[in-house]
Amino acid sequence: MMFQQSVALTWATIATTPIVVISCVLVINKAKKYVDLQQDEVGKLNGYMDEKISGQKIVISYGLQEETVAGFVEHNNAVRQATYKGQVYSGLLFPLVQGMSVVNTAIVIFFGGWLAVNGDLGQGVALGLVVSFVQYSQLYYQPLGQISSGYSMIQLAITGARRLNEMFDEPDEIKPAEGKMFSGIENHVALEHVTFGYKENQPVLKDVSIDVKKGQMVALVGPTGSGKTTVMNLLNRFYDVQSGRVTFDDVDVRQLDLDVLRSHVGIVLQDSVLFSGTIFENIAFGAPDATEEQVYEAAMQAHIHDFIIKLEKGYQTEISDENSIFSTGQKQLISIARTLLTNPDLLILDEATSNVDTVTEAKIQKAMETAIMGRTSFVIAHRLKTILRADRIVVLKDGQVIEEGNHHQLLELNGFYAELYHNQFVFE
């Protein structure tokens, strides 16, 4: 319509477009930079706060309250500075577009008036045409004004999408398209020449081979960092090996259905975790359909039943992080009961008794011997007295198997295991 009515006034109306576009691009790039920085700094601040609140007992015990607050202030200032710059540039866009719209209207009025005075538009339609182009000029800039008015929210949404995409771009667990079913261990579980590292060129396990027959209890011992927990991670396929393979009855775990595999593996970790809810729900977490009798039996095996029934509401007692009624050792007993209830084919105990007293440890040891009987199990232990009855003890050092055999055989070797055992015996 504008070109049909007056080519000269149309060019005058759109003449400032390149200036507006270039200015907007410069402002948007600056705004994007600082809004991205703002969100990154907010993430760092939240991470810092979460870390210090979670470890508040350590902070208080070392008297580091002032240093912690100072660290918060430093992170908060970084957020404030990034937010200030981001909001300034985001907020600058709308006034810039509105200002250019006013300038453009003035240009149209001035140029249209000049054309009318010089008679180039025709005396009869000059005034009406100039007024029309004033309206066209305002309509021409209206979409830019609407976009720029909400740009701050748009940029925050774009930045949020970027951060979400970074998470979505992380590799998922690789599941076989048609994973093989697995009904339980029939023969053995094995690690065959396994090499693995959490980082490239930094192997934690180096050509490790361990073969465990069905029903055997194998203990993994060794100094910190020797790769004991890594073996557990590979058995449950939290990670995939870099070379070699982990097999259940000669089938590579990478070919098994992941959900089915993990339903047959039970793990008791060194650091126990309880969820908000009742004690009953926590024990039955891995087996929601379990009956009361089954839950009670698992609690009895873990020697926590007597404590629970003495509580006012028994198994229906609500627990949470803010109102935890359990000591660290009792939490571990709940975790053990939860695992025993699932009745796994492969049981992995990662320092399961490290947080309990000596008397309770002895009781748990008897219960675990009952639970382990006839079941394939890996036991990771630093307290060697808890694994004396293991069918086989595998000694790891620097990611390699250096000794293997039962307790008496390893003592006769008079090697690394014997040294560990005698040192612990002296201290205890």
Protein backbone atom coordinates (compact mmCIF):
# COMPACT_ATOMS: atom_id res chain seq x y z
CA MET A 1 0.00 0.00 0.00
CA MET A 2 2.79 2.40 0.85
CA PHE A 3 4.63 1.86 -2.45
CA GLN A 4 1.38 2.23 -4.41
CA GLN A 5 0.63 5.60 -2.83
CA SER A 6 4.13 7.16 -2.77
CA VAL A 7 7.46 5.52 -3.50
CA ALA A 8 9.41 8.49 -2.11
CA LEU A 9 7.58 8.54 1.24
CA THR A 10 7.85 4.74 1.49
CA TRP A 11 11.62 4.87 1.19
CA ALA A 12 11.66 7.65 3.78
CA THR A 13 9.57 5.48 6.13
CA ILE A 14 11.78 2.40 5.91
CA ALA A 15 15.09 4.25 5.62
CA THR A 16 15.90 3.87 9.32
CA THR A 17 15.29 0.11 9.30
CA PRO A 18 18.96 -0.90 8.81
CA ILE A 19 20.00 1.39 11.69
CA VAL A 20 17.33 -0.14 13.96
CA VAL A 21 18.22 -3.70 12.98
CA ILE A 22 21.96 -3.18 13.54
CA SER A 23 21.35 -1.44 16.87
CA CYS A 24 19.00 -4.21 18.01
CA VAL A 25 21.48 -6.93 17.04
CA LEU A 26 24.24 -5.24 19.04
CA VAL A 27 21.99 -4.79 22.08
CA ILE A 28 20.60 -8.35 21.83
CA ASN A 29 24.10 -9.85 21.66
CA LYS A 30 25.12 -7.92 24.77
CA ALA A 31 21.89 -8.86 26.55
CA LYS A 32 22.31 -12.54 25.65
CA LYS A 33 25.88 -12.55 26.95
CA TYR A 34 24.96 -11.13 30.34
CA VAL A 35 21.65 -13.00 30.75
CA ASP A 36 23.51 -16.26 30.05
CA LEU A 37 26.13 -15.19 32.57
CA GLN A 38 23.37 -14.27 35.04
CA GLN A 39 21.82 -17.76 34.88
CA ASP A 40 25.23 -19.43 35.14
CA GLU A 41 26.06 -17.38 38.23
CA VAL A 42 22.66 -18.20 39.75
CA GLY A 43 23.45 -21.89 39.21
CA LYS A 44 26.82 -21.49 40.95
CA LEU A 45 25.16 -19.63 43.83
CA ASN A 46 22.52 -22.33 44.27
CA GLY A 47 25.19 -25.04 44.17
CA TYR A 48 27.26 -23.20 46.79
CA MET A 49 24.23 -22.75 49.06
CA ASP A 50 23.20 -26.40 48.72
CA GLU A 51 26.71 -27.58 49.52
CA LYS A 52 27.08 -25.39 52.62
CA ILE A 53 23.61 -26.15 53.95
CA SER A 54 24.16 -29.90 53.48
CA GLY A 55 27.48 -29.64 55.27
CA GLN A 56 26.40 -27.14 57.90
CA LYS A 57 27.53 -29.36 60.79
CA ILE A 58 31.07 -29.43 59.40
CA VAL A 59 30.97 -25.66 58.83
CA ILE A 60 29.83 -25.02 62.41
CA SER A 61 32.22 -27.53 63.97
CA TYR A 62 35.19 -25.82 62.30
CA GLY A 63 33.86 -22.33 63.04
CA LEU A 64 33.71 -21.36 59.37
CA GLN A 65 30.42 -19.45 59.50
CA GLU A 66 31.98 -16.09 58.61
CA GLU A 67 34.00 -17.58 55.74
CA THR A 68 30.86 -19.29 54.45
CA VAL A 69 28.88 -16.04 54.55
CA ALA A 70 31.77 -14.26 52.82
CA GLY A 71 31.72 -16.88 50.08
CA PHE A 72 27.96 -16.39 49.71
CA VAL A 73 28.41 -12.63 49.42
CA GLU A 74 31.04 -13.14 46.71
CA HIS A 75 28.74 -15.41 44.69
CA ASN A 76 25.79 -13.09 45.31
CA ASN A 77 27.74 -10.07 44.06
CA ALA A 78 28.62 -11.97 40.88
CA VAL A 79 24.90 -12.69 40.37
CA ARG A 80 23.99 -9.05 41.08
CA GLN A 81 26.53 -7.68 38.62
CA ALA A 82 25.55 -10.10 35.86
CA THR A 83 21.83 -9.48 36.52
CA TYR A 84 22.30 -5.70 36.45
CA LYS A 85 24.06 -5.75 33.10
CA GLY A 86 21.68 -8.30 31.65
CA GLN A 87 18.59 -6.35 32.70
CA VAL A 88 20.07 -3.03 31.52
CA TYR A 89 20.71 -4.36 28.02
CA SER A 90 17.42 -6.28 27.92
CA GLY A 91 15.52 -3.21 29.10
CA LEU A 92 17.34 -0.97 26.63
CA LEU A 93 15.80 -2.64 23.60
CA PHE A 94 12.22 -1.39 24.04
CA PRO A 95 13.14 2.32 24.58
CA LEU A 96 15.54 2.06 21.63
CA VAL A 97 12.83 0.79 19.28
CA GLN A 98 10.27 3.26 20.62
CA GLY A 99 12.74 6.11 20.23
CA MET A 100 13.57 5.11 16.66
CA SER A 101 9.85 4.90 15.95
CA VAL A 102 9.42 8.53 17.07
CA VAL A 103 12.46 9.59 15.06
CA ASN A 104 11.11 7.79 12.02
CA THR A 105 7.73 9.53 12.41
CA ALA A 106 9.51 12.89 12.55
CA ILE A 107 11.44 12.01 9.39
CA VAL A 108 8.20 11.10 7.58
CA ILE A 109 6.51 14.34 8.69
CA PHE A 110 9.53 16.44 7.74
CA PHE A 111 10.07 14.75 4.37
CA GLY A 112 6.35 14.65 3.58
CA GLY A 113 6.03 18.36 4.45
CA TRP A 114 9.05 19.18 2.28
CA LEU A 115 7.53 17.29 -0.67
CA ALA A 116 4.17 19.03 -0.15
CA VAL A 117 5.76 22.49 -0.02
CA ASN A 118 7.66 21.79 -3.20
CA GLY A 119 4.44 20.58 -4.82
CA ASP A 120 5.69 17.12 -5.73
CA LEU A 121 2.77 15.37 -4.00
CA GLY A 122 -0.03 17.43 -5.50
CA GLN A 123 -1.86 20.12 -3.51
CA GLY A 124 -5.15 18.18 -3.19
CA VAL A 125 -3.85 15.06 -1.47
CA ALA A 126 -0.67 16.25 0.20
CA LEU A 127 -1.97 16.63 3.75
CA GLY A 128 -3.99 13.40 3.76
CA LEU A 129 -1.12 11.42 2.29
CA VAL A 130 1.38 12.68 4.88
CA VAL A 131 -1.06 11.87 7.71
CA SER A 132 -1.54 8.37 6.26
CA PHE A 133 2.20 7.77 6.15
CA VAL A 134 2.52 8.92 9.76
CA GLN A 135 0.10 6.10 10.65
CA TYR A 136 1.95 3.67 8.39
CA SER A 137 5.23 4.56 10.10
CA GLN A 138 3.77 3.76 13.53
CA LEU A 139 2.26 0.50 12.26
CA TYR A 140 5.57 -0.41 10.61
CA TYR A 141 7.43 -0.23 13.96
CA GLN A 142 4.63 -1.76 16.04
CA PRO A 143 5.75 -5.44 15.72
CA LEU A 144 9.31 -4.51 16.67
CA GLY A 145 7.98 -2.63 19.69
CA GLN A 146 5.86 -5.57 20.80
CA ILE A 147 8.77 -8.01 20.51
CA SER A 148 11.19 -5.69 22.29
CA SER A 149 8.73 -5.07 25.15
CA GLY A 150 8.85 -8.75 26.10
CA TYR A 151 12.44 -9.39 25.11
CA SER A 152 13.70 -9.76 28.68
CA MET A 153 11.38 -12.70 29.28
CA ILE A 154 12.15 -14.12 25.84
CA GLN A 155 15.90 -14.02 26.53
CA LEU A 156 15.45 -15.70 29.92
CA ALA A 157 13.43 -18.43 28.22
CA ILE A 158 16.12 -18.89 25.56
CA THR A 159 18.83 -19.09 28.21
CA GLY A 160 16.79 -21.57 30.23
CA ALA A 161 16.29 -23.68 27.10
CA ARG A 162 20.05 -23.63 26.49
CA ARG A 163 20.77 -24.92 29.99
CA LEU A 164 18.11 -27.62 29.64
CA ASN A 165 19.51 -28.68 26.28
CA GLU A 166 22.96 -29.03 27.84
CA MET A 167 21.43 -31.56 30.21
CA PHE A 168 19.42 -33.31 27.50
CA ASP A 169 22.55 -33.56 25.34
CA GLU A 170 24.28 -35.65 28.02
CA PRO A 171 24.43 -39.28 26.88
CA ASP A 172 21.65 -41.51 28.21
CA GLU A 173 22.12 -45.04 29.43
CA ILE A 174 22.57 -47.14 26.33
CA LYS A 175 19.87 -49.79 26.35
CA PRO A 176 19.89 -52.62 23.81
CA ALA A 177 17.03 -52.34 21.33
CA GLU A 178 15.89 -55.86 22.16
CA GLY A 179 17.57 -56.75 25.43
CA LYS A 180 17.76 -60.41 26.35
CA MET A 181 15.64 -61.52 29.27
CA PHE A 182 17.30 -62.76 32.43
CA SER A 183 15.60 -65.04 34.94
CA GLY A 184 18.44 -65.43 37.42
CA ILE A 185 22.00 -66.67 37.72
CA GLU A 186 22.30 -70.31 36.70
CA ASN A 187 26.07 -70.78 36.52
CA HIS A 188 28.35 -67.83 37.24
CA VAL A 189 29.10 -64.11 37.07
CA ALA A 190 32.38 -63.02 35.57
CA LEU A 191 34.58 -60.06 34.75
CA GLU A 192 36.71 -61.01 31.74
CA HIS A 193 39.88 -58.96 31.16
CA VAL A 194 38.06 -55.76 32.14
CA THR A 195 39.75 -52.41 31.71
CA PHE A 196 37.82 -49.32 32.78
CA GLY A 197 38.41 -45.71 33.80
CA TYR A 198 36.05 -42.87 34.63
CA LYS A 199 38.28 -40.61 32.51
CA GLU A 200 40.06 -41.45 29.30
CA ASN A 201 43.67 -42.55 29.69
CA GLN A 202 43.20 -42.90 33.47
CA PRO A 203 42.21 -46.56 33.99
CA VAL A 204 40.90 -47.56 37.41
CA LEU A 205 40.76 -51.28 36.56
CA LYS A 206 43.45 -52.85 34.40
CA ASP A 207 42.84 -56.26 32.82
CA VAL A 208 40.82 -57.56 35.79
CA SER A 209 39.35 -61.06 35.61
CA ILE A 210 37.10 -62.44 38.37
CA ASP A 211 34.89 -65.53 38.02
CA VAL A 212 32.24 -66.17 40.67
CA LYS A 213 30.26 -69.41 40.67
CA LYS A 214 26.59 -69.41 41.60
CA GLY A 215 26.17 -69.34 45.37
CA GLN A 216 29.72 -68.23 46.08
CA MET A 217 30.63 -65.30 48.30
CA VAL A 218 33.55 -63.33 46.92
CA ALA A 219 35.16 -60.56 48.95
CA LEU A 220 37.02 -57.65 47.40
CA VAL A 221 39.71 -56.09 49.56
CA GLY A 222 42.44 -53.59 48.96
CA PRO A 223 43.53 -50.03 49.74
CA THR A 224 41.39 -46.99 48.97
CA GLY A 225 41.32 -46.29 45.23
CA SER A 226 42.15 -49.84 44.20
CA GLY A 227 38.88 -50.20 42.23
CA LYS A 228 36.62 -52.20 44.57
CA THR A 229 33.55 -49.97 44.24
CA THR A 230 34.19 -49.67 40.50
CA VAL A 231 33.66 -53.44 40.19
CA MET A 232 30.24 -52.95 41.82
CA ASN A 233 29.39 -50.16 39.36
CA LEU A 234 30.23 -52.39 36.42
CA LEU A 235 28.27 -55.40 37.72
CA ASN A 236 25.11 -53.30 37.89
CA ARG A 237 26.00 -51.58 34.63
CA PHE A 238 26.16 -48.07 36.01
CA TYR A 239 29.04 -47.79 33.53
CA ASP A 240 30.16 -49.77 30.50
CA VAL A 241 33.61 -51.30 30.29
CA GLN A 242 36.16 -49.86 27.88
CA SER A 243 37.58 -53.28 27.04
CA GLY A 244 36.77 -56.81 28.10
CA ARG A 245 33.28 -57.66 29.30
CA VAL A 246 31.07 -58.36 32.32
CA THR A 247 28.91 -61.45 31.93
CA PHE A 248 26.02 -63.20 33.65
CA ASP A 249 25.98 -66.85 32.55
CA ASP A 250 28.32 -65.97 29.65
CA VAL A 251 25.95 -63.24 28.37
CA ASP A 252 27.41 -59.73 28.19
CA VAL A 253 25.47 -57.35 30.45
CA ARG A 254 25.30 -54.91 27.52
CA GLN A 255 23.03 -57.40 25.77
CA LEU A 256 20.67 -57.90 28.72
CA ASP A 257 17.52 -55.90 29.34
CA LEU A 258 18.71 -53.23 31.78
CA ASP A 259 15.61 -53.14 33.98
CA VAL A 260 15.50 -56.92 34.26
CA LEU A 261 19.22 -57.08 35.06
CA ARG A 262 18.95 -54.59 37.90
CA SER A 263 15.86 -56.27 39.31
CA HIS A 264 18.07 -59.29 40.03
CA VAL A 265 20.90 -57.30 41.64
CA GLY A 266 20.67 -55.98 45.20
CA ILE A 267 23.09 -53.38 46.56
CA VAL A 268 23.74 -52.14 50.09
CA LEU A 269 25.83 -48.99 49.86
CA GLN A 270 28.18 -47.59 52.46
CA ASP A 271 26.12 -44.37 52.71
CA SER A 272 22.52 -45.30 53.37
CA VAL A 273 19.62 -43.28 51.96
CA LEU A 274 16.14 -42.98 53.46
CA PHE A 275 13.20 -41.41 51.66
CA SER A 276 10.42 -39.26 53.08
CA GLY A 277 7.53 -41.49 54.15
CA THR A 278 6.94 -44.23 56.68
CA ILE A 279 9.43 -46.80 57.85
CA PHE A 280 7.31 -49.49 56.20
CA GLU A 281 7.43 -47.66 52.84
CA ASN A 282 11.21 -47.29 53.09
CA ILE A 283 11.78 -51.00 53.68
CA ALA A 284 9.29 -51.92 50.94
CA PHE A 285 10.75 -49.34 48.53
CA GLY A 286 12.18 -51.94 46.16
CA ALA A 287 9.18 -54.28 46.51
CA PRO A 288 6.00 -52.15 46.85
CA ASP A 289 3.76 -55.24 46.76
CA ALA A 290 5.48 -56.89 49.73
CA THR A 291 3.24 -58.11 52.57
CA GLU A 292 3.58 -57.00 56.18
CA GLU A 293 5.02 -60.38 57.11
CA GLN A 294 7.72 -60.09 54.44
CA VAL A 295 8.67 -56.58 55.58
CA TYR A 296 8.79 -57.70 59.22
CA GLU A 297 10.95 -60.71 58.31
CA ALA A 298 13.42 -58.51 56.40
CA ALA A 299 13.60 -56.11 59.35
CA MET A 300 14.21 -59.02 61.74
CA GLN A 301 17.05 -60.31 59.55
CA ALA A 302 18.60 -56.85 59.65
CA HIS A 303 18.09 -56.63 63.45
CA ILE A 304 16.06 -53.41 63.29
CA HIS A 305 12.61 -54.87 64.00
CA ASP A 306 12.88 -54.62 67.80
CA PHE A 307 13.74 -50.93 67.61
CA ILE A 308 10.90 -50.14 65.19
CA ILE A 309 8.13 -51.81 67.21
CA LYS A 310 9.15 -49.81 70.28
CA LEU A 311 8.29 -46.57 68.45
CA GLU A 312 4.88 -45.04 69.13
CA LYS A 313 3.59 -45.67 65.61
CA GLY A 314 5.85 -48.61 64.80
CA TYR A 315 6.30 -49.22 61.10
CA GLN A 316 3.95 -46.32 60.27
CA THR A 317 6.30 -43.76 61.84
CA GLU A 318 6.94 -40.89 59.44
CA ILE A 319 10.58 -40.03 58.76
CA SER A 320 12.21 -37.17 56.87
CA ASP A 321 15.52 -35.35 56.66
CA GLU A 322 14.22 -32.71 59.09
CA ASN A 323 12.92 -35.25 61.59
CA SER A 324 15.19 -38.27 61.40
CA ILE A 325 14.77 -40.68 64.30
CA PHE A 326 17.52 -43.02 63.16
CA SER A 327 21.21 -42.96 63.85
CA THR A 328 23.61 -43.53 60.95
CA GLY A 329 23.93 -47.21 61.89
CA GLN A 330 20.17 -47.68 62.12
CA LYS A 331 19.74 -46.12 58.69
CA GLN A 332 22.18 -48.71 57.42
CA LEU A 333 20.09 -51.48 58.96
CA ILE A 334 16.98 -50.13 57.20
CA SER A 335 18.94 -50.13 53.94
CA ILE A 336 20.01 -53.74 54.52
CA ALA A 337 16.41 -54.77 55.26
CA ARG A 338 15.27 -53.03 52.06
CA THR A 339 17.77 -55.01 50.00
CA LEU A 340 17.02 -58.35 51.69
CA LEU A 341 13.31 -57.87 50.94
CA THR A 342 13.94 -57.82 47.18
CA ASN A 343 15.59 -61.26 47.41
CA PRO A 344 18.18 -60.57 44.67
CA ASP A 345 20.13 -63.26 42.81
CA LEU A 346 23.33 -61.20 43.08
CA LEU A 347 23.94 -59.37 46.34
CA ILE A 348 26.55 -56.60 46.52
CA LEU A 349 27.58 -55.28 49.92
CA ASP A 350 29.72 -52.15 49.78
CA GLU A 351 31.06 -51.69 53.32
CA ALA A 352 27.57 -52.56 54.59
CA THR A 353 28.55 -52.76 58.25
CA SER A 354 30.95 -49.82 58.37
CA ASN A 355 28.53 -47.56 60.29
CA VAL A 356 27.39 -49.94 63.03
CA ASP A 357 28.83 -50.81 66.41
CA THR A 358 30.72 -54.02 67.09
CA VAL A 359 27.80 -55.84 68.77
CA THR A 360 25.34 -54.93 65.99
CA GLU A 361 27.97 -55.80 63.40
CA ALA A 362 28.22 -59.31 64.82
CA LYS A 363 24.43 -59.72 64.69
CA ILE A 364 24.27 -58.39 61.13
CA GLN A 365 27.11 -60.69 60.15
CA LYS A 366 25.07 -63.72 61.22
CA ALA A 367 22.01 -62.38 59.41
CA MET A 368 24.04 -61.66 56.28
CA GLU A 369 25.49 -65.16 56.34
CA THR A 370 21.93 -66.48 56.34
CA ALA A 371 20.94 -64.08 53.54
CA ILE A 372 24.05 -64.87 51.49
CA MET A 373 23.70 -68.64 51.84
CA GLY A 374 23.02 -70.10 48.41
CA ARG A 375 23.16 -66.65 46.81
CA THR A 376 25.93 -65.21 44.65
CA SER A 377 27.44 -62.25 46.42
CA PHE A 378 30.21 -59.67 46.24
CA VAL A 379 31.34 -58.14 49.53
CA ILE A 380 33.52 -55.03 49.56
CA ALA A 381 35.17 -54.70 52.94
CA HIS A 382 37.92 -52.92 54.81
CA ARG A 383 37.25 -54.78 58.06
CA LEU A 384 38.78 -58.11 57.18
CA LYS A 385 37.14 -59.95 60.08
CA THR A 386 33.78 -59.60 58.30
CA ILE A 387 34.95 -61.66 55.30
CA LEU A 388 36.91 -64.47 56.93
CA ARG A 389 34.33 -67.03 55.76
CA ALA A 390 34.25 -65.85 52.16
CA ASP A 391 34.61 -68.59 49.55
CA ARG A 392 37.20 -66.48 47.78
CA ILE A 393 38.98 -63.24 48.55
CA VAL A 394 40.24 -61.10 45.67
CA VAL A 395 42.91 -58.55 46.58
CA LEU A 396 43.02 -55.46 44.40
CA LYS A 397 45.82 -52.92 44.29
CA ASP A 398 46.26 -50.11 41.76
CA GLY A 399 43.40 -51.54 39.71
CA GLN A 400 44.90 -55.02 39.35
CA VAL A 401 44.29 -58.39 40.98
CA ILE A 402 47.45 -59.17 42.92
CA GLU A 403 46.26 -62.06 45.12
CA GLU A 404 43.36 -64.48 45.13
CA GLY A 405 42.23 -67.34 47.37
CA ASN A 406 40.45 -68.01 50.65
CA HIS A 407 41.53 -66.52 53.98
CA HIS A 408 43.89 -69.32 54.98
CA GLN A 409 45.48 -69.59 51.53
CA LEU A 410 46.20 -65.86 51.47
CA LEU A 411 47.70 -65.95 54.95
CA GLU A 412 50.02 -68.75 53.83
CA LEU A 413 51.17 -66.62 50.89
CA ASN A 414 52.37 -64.07 53.46
CA GLY A 415 51.80 -61.27 50.96
CA PHE A 416 49.78 -58.07 50.82
CA TYR A 417 46.61 -59.58 52.33
CA ALA A 418 48.52 -61.15 55.21
CA GLU A 419 50.11 -57.78 55.95
CA LEU A 420 46.69 -56.08 55.94
CA TYR A 421 45.21 -58.74 58.21
CA HIS A 422 48.02 -58.69 60.76
CA ASN A 423 48.03 -54.88 60.88
CA GLN A 424 44.29 -54.78 61.55
CA PHE A 425 44.62 -57.53 64.16
CA VAL A 426 47.25 -55.47 66.00
CA PHE A 427 45.10 -52.33 66.00
CA GLU A 428 41.95 -54.16 67.10
